[in-house]
Amino acid sequence: RAVMTGLKEAVAEMKRLMLEARG
């Protein structure tokens, strides 16, 4: 299973959503 890949993608998406919410 690519658990680490999934976690990295989830973190990257969360960061992007937070940046969009701010801007």
PDB file of N, CA and C in Angstrom:
ATOM      1  N   ARG A   1       0.840  -1.220   0.000  1.00  0.00           N
ATOM      2  CA  ARG A   1       0.000   0.000   0.000  1.00  0.00           C
ATOM      3  C   ARG A   1       0.866   1.257   0.000  1.00  0.00           C
ATOM      4  N   ALA A   2       0.420   2.257  -0.726  1.00  0.00           N
ATOM      5  CA  ALA A   2       1.169   3.520  -0.763  1.00  0.00           C
ATOM      6  C   ALA A   2       0.588   4.475   0.279  1.00  0.00           C
ATOM      7  N   VAL A   3       0.763   4.111   1.538  1.00  0.00           N
ATOM      8  CA  VAL A   3       0.200   4.934   2.620  1.00  0.00           C
ATOM      9  C   VAL A   3       0.898   6.293   2.687  1.00  0.00           C
ATOM     10  N   MET A   4       2.224   6.286   2.602  1.00  0.00           N
ATOM     11  CA  MET A   4       2.973   7.540   2.690  1.00  0.00           C
ATOM     12  C   MET A   4       2.569   8.481   1.570  1.00  0.00           C
ATOM     13  N   THR A   5       2.383   7.941   0.367  1.00  0.00           N
ATOM     14  CA  THR A   5       1.983   8.782  -0.764  1.00  0.00           C
ATOM     15  C   THR A   5       0.629   9.408  -0.488  1.00  0.00           C
ATOM     16  N   GLY A   6      -0.295   8.612   0.029  1.00  0.00           N
ATOM     17  CA  GLY A   6      -1.630   9.125   0.337  1.00  0.00           C
ATOM     18  C   GLY A   6      -1.564  10.226   1.385  1.00  0.00           C
ATOM     19  N   LEU A   7      -0.730  10.020   2.408  1.00  0.00           N
ATOM     20  CA  LEU A   7      -0.613  11.036   3.467  1.00  0.00           C
ATOM     21  C   LEU A   7      -0.033  12.325   2.897  1.00  0.00           C
ATOM     22  N   LYS A   8       1.004  12.197   2.064  1.00  0.00           N
ATOM     23  CA  LYS A   8       1.617  13.392   1.477  1.00  0.00           C
ATOM     24  C   LYS A   8       0.601  14.154   0.645  1.00  0.00           C
ATOM     25  N   GLU A   9      -0.201  13.403  -0.141  1.00  0.00           N
ATOM     26  CA  GLU A   9      -1.208  14.063  -0.977  1.00  0.00           C
ATOM     27  C   GLU A   9      -2.253  14.751  -0.111  1.00  0.00           C
ATOM     28  N   ALA A  10      -2.672  14.089   0.967  1.00  0.00           N
ATOM     29  CA  ALA A  10      -3.690  14.659   1.855  1.00  0.00           C
ATOM     30  C   ALA A  10      -3.161  15.947   2.493  1.00  0.00           C
ATOM     31  N   VAL A  11      -1.914  15.916   2.952  1.00  0.00           N
ATOM     32  CA  VAL A  11      -1.326  17.106   3.590  1.00  0.00           C
ATOM     33  C   VAL A  11      -1.220  18.242   2.582  1.00  0.00           C
ATOM     34  N   ALA A  12      -0.777  17.917   1.369  1.00  0.00           N
ATOM     35  CA  ALA A  12      -0.628  18.949   0.340  1.00  0.00           C
ATOM     36  C   ALA A  12      -1.986  19.568   0.023  1.00  0.00           C
ATOM     37  N   GLU A  13      -3.023  18.740  -0.052  1.00  0.00           N
ATOM     38  CA  GLU A  13      -4.361  19.259  -0.358  1.00  0.00           C
ATOM     39  C   GLU A  13      -4.870  20.136   0.775  1.00  0.00           C
ATOM     40  N   MET A  14      -4.633  19.718   2.010  1.00  0.00           N
ATOM     41  CA  MET A  14      -5.080  20.519   3.161  1.00  0.00           C
ATOM     42  C   MET A  14      -4.395  21.880   3.147  1.00  0.00           C
ATOM     43  N   LYS A  15      -3.096  21.885   2.865  1.00  0.00           N
ATOM     44  CA  LYS A  15      -2.365  23.152   2.817  1.00  0.00           C
ATOM     45  C   LYS A  15      -2.938  24.054   1.735  1.00  0.00           C
ATOM     46  N   ARG A  16      -3.227  23.458   0.561  1.00  0.00           N
ATOM     47  CA  ARG A  16      -3.762  24.244  -0.544  1.00  0.00           C
ATOM     48  C   ARG A  16      -5.125  24.831  -0.161  1.00  0.00           C
ATOM     49  N   LEU A  17      -5.964  24.022   0.471  1.00  0.00           N
ATOM     50  CA  LEU A  17      -7.289  24.512   0.861  1.00  0.00           C
ATOM     51  C   LEU A  17      -7.163  25.641   1.872  1.00  0.00           C
ATOM     52  N   MET A  18      -6.231  25.524   2.801  1.00  0.00           N
ATOM     53  CA  MET A  18      -6.057  26.580   3.815  1.00  0.00           C
ATOM     54  C   MET A  18      -5.586  27.870   3.148  1.00  0.00           C
ATOM     55  N   LEU A  19      -4.669  27.738   2.179  1.00  0.00           N
ATOM     56  CA  LEU A  19      -4.178  28.926   1.487  1.00  0.00           C
ATOM     57  C   LEU A  19      -5.314  29.585   0.715  1.00  0.00           C
ATOM     58  N   GLU A  20      -6.157  28.770   0.073  1.00  0.00           N
ATOM     59  CA  GLU A  20      -7.283  29.326  -0.678  1.00  0.00           C
ATOM     60  C   GLU A  20      -8.259  30.011   0.266  1.00  0.00           C
ATOM     61  N   ALA A  21      -8.472  29.432   1.447  1.00  0.00           N
ATOM     62  CA  ALA A  21      -9.414  30.010   2.405  1.00  0.00           C
ATOM     63  C   ALA A  21      -8.890  31.377   2.884  1.00  0.00           C
ATOM     64  N   ARG A  22      -7.576  31.498   3.024  1.00  0.00           N
ATOM     65  CA  ARG A  22      -7.008  32.769   3.480  1.00  0.00           C
ATOM     66  C   ARG A  22      -7.121  33.824   2.388  1.00  0.00           C
ATOM     67  N   GLY A  23      -6.602  33.472   1.216  1.00  0.00           N
ATOM     68  CA  GLY A  23      -6.513  34.432   0.122  1.00  0.00           C
ATOM     69  C   GLY A  23      -7.860  34.779  -0.457  1.00  0.00           C
TER      70      GLY A  23
END
